[in-house]
C-alpha cells in the first residue's frame, strides 16, 4: 500500500485516529507542533482550519515529521514516514466550531475574579499579558468552546460566528494539497448543505476523503440518508462523524458517552461509509468502545462486508465500494480538545522559550528542542496507541 492510501487502511481496519486542531484554531505555532507530535505518534488525519496560513504550517509539520521517521522508529514508535491526510473543515450554517469569543476588557471590573481566564482550555483569555501588554481574547487561540460565556459574572462575553466561503475554499483544495474536507451540518439544513456541496463538488473528485459531521437531532438518520443521496456517487471514502458533545473531551470521562450513543445510532442506520466518533472523546473512549463490543477485528469487517454483498448481489458478484465501506462497528475516533490539552504543558514550555537569531527573537520550534519534542510525541502516542493497539490483540 502506498503512503497515499495508508490512512484508508486504518479506516478499513478500524483503528483510524484523527487529530482535530480546530476549525477556528489559528495559533500557528501550536498547529505546527500538534501536527508534528501526533504525526510522529501515528495519527491518520490532521484536521485544521480552512486558512492558508494554518494549512501551510500543518504541511510544514508533516514534512518535519517525515524527516524524523528514523529517529521515531529508534525510539520505539511505529511511525513509518507515511503522511496522514490533511483535512480542512467547512460549515453550511451556524456552528459552534466556527466562532470566536470576544469581550471588551475595559468593561471588566478590577475586582473581578476572572473565572473566564481560568476555565479557558486554550489559554486564549489573558489579562495584562507580559509579552504584549494585552488583555482580552487572543483570537488565534480561541476555538469557540463557549465555556467562558455562562461563567462570566457580568455577562459581557459574546461570540462572533462566521461562514465558510466555498469560492475561496475550492482553490485552496486544488492548490495546497489538502487531502480531505469535512462539512459540519445540522438536521434541517439540506438546502444549505446542497448549496455548499454544489460550490465544492467540481473539486470533489480529487479528494481522498469526505467527512460529514452532524450532531444528534430529530430525524437525523433520514437527514444523513438525504445527504448521501445528494453527494452520491462519490469517488472518495466517506466518514460519518458523530459529534456527540462538541469540544468537551477535556472536561471528564463522562463526555464520551454522548458520542458513543450517537455512533450506535448512525451504525444502526447502515449508511454507506465509515462511522467515526468525535465530540467529547478522551482517554476513556476506546475503553468504552471495547467494553461495548463496538471495535472489531479487520477480519470480521471484511467477512461482514462480503456476507452483505453476497446477500444483495449474488455469490460471484464483485464487491462494490459501498459494501466494502459500510461498517458494522466504529472505524475510528477523532480527538480535539482532549488531544490539544494533553500536550498543552509541552506547548506552553515551548512558547516561553525563545531563540535569538541576528538580534531577532522568535519562538523555538518543537523539533529544535529534542527533549520537549519526544516528550510531546510520547504523550501523543499514549492517546494514539489506545486505538492502534486494539488491532494487535
Foldseek 3Di string as FASTA:
>chain_A
DDLLCVQVVLLLFQQAEEEEQFQQAQPLQLLLLLLLQLLLLPHQEYEYHLDVSSLVSSVVSLVVNLVCNVVSVVVPHPRPSRGHAYEHEFELDDDQQFKFKWFDVVPDDPPDPPVLCVPDLQNQADALDVVPRDGIGNRNSGRRLPPSQVVPPVNGMDMDGDHDDLVVSQVCVVPSVHQEYEYEYEPPCVVSVLVSCVSNVVVQQRHQEYEYEYEDDVCVLVRVVVVCVSNPPHPHAYEYEYAQAAPCQQVDQVFLVRQVVSQVVNLVSQFQHAYEYDHNDAQCNLVVCVVVVQNDGSVVFVVQLLVVCCVVPNNPDDRDNSSSGRGNHHSYYYYYSRLSSLLVVLVVVQQPDWDADPNDIDGDRLVVDVVSSVVSSVSSSSRSVSSVCVNVD
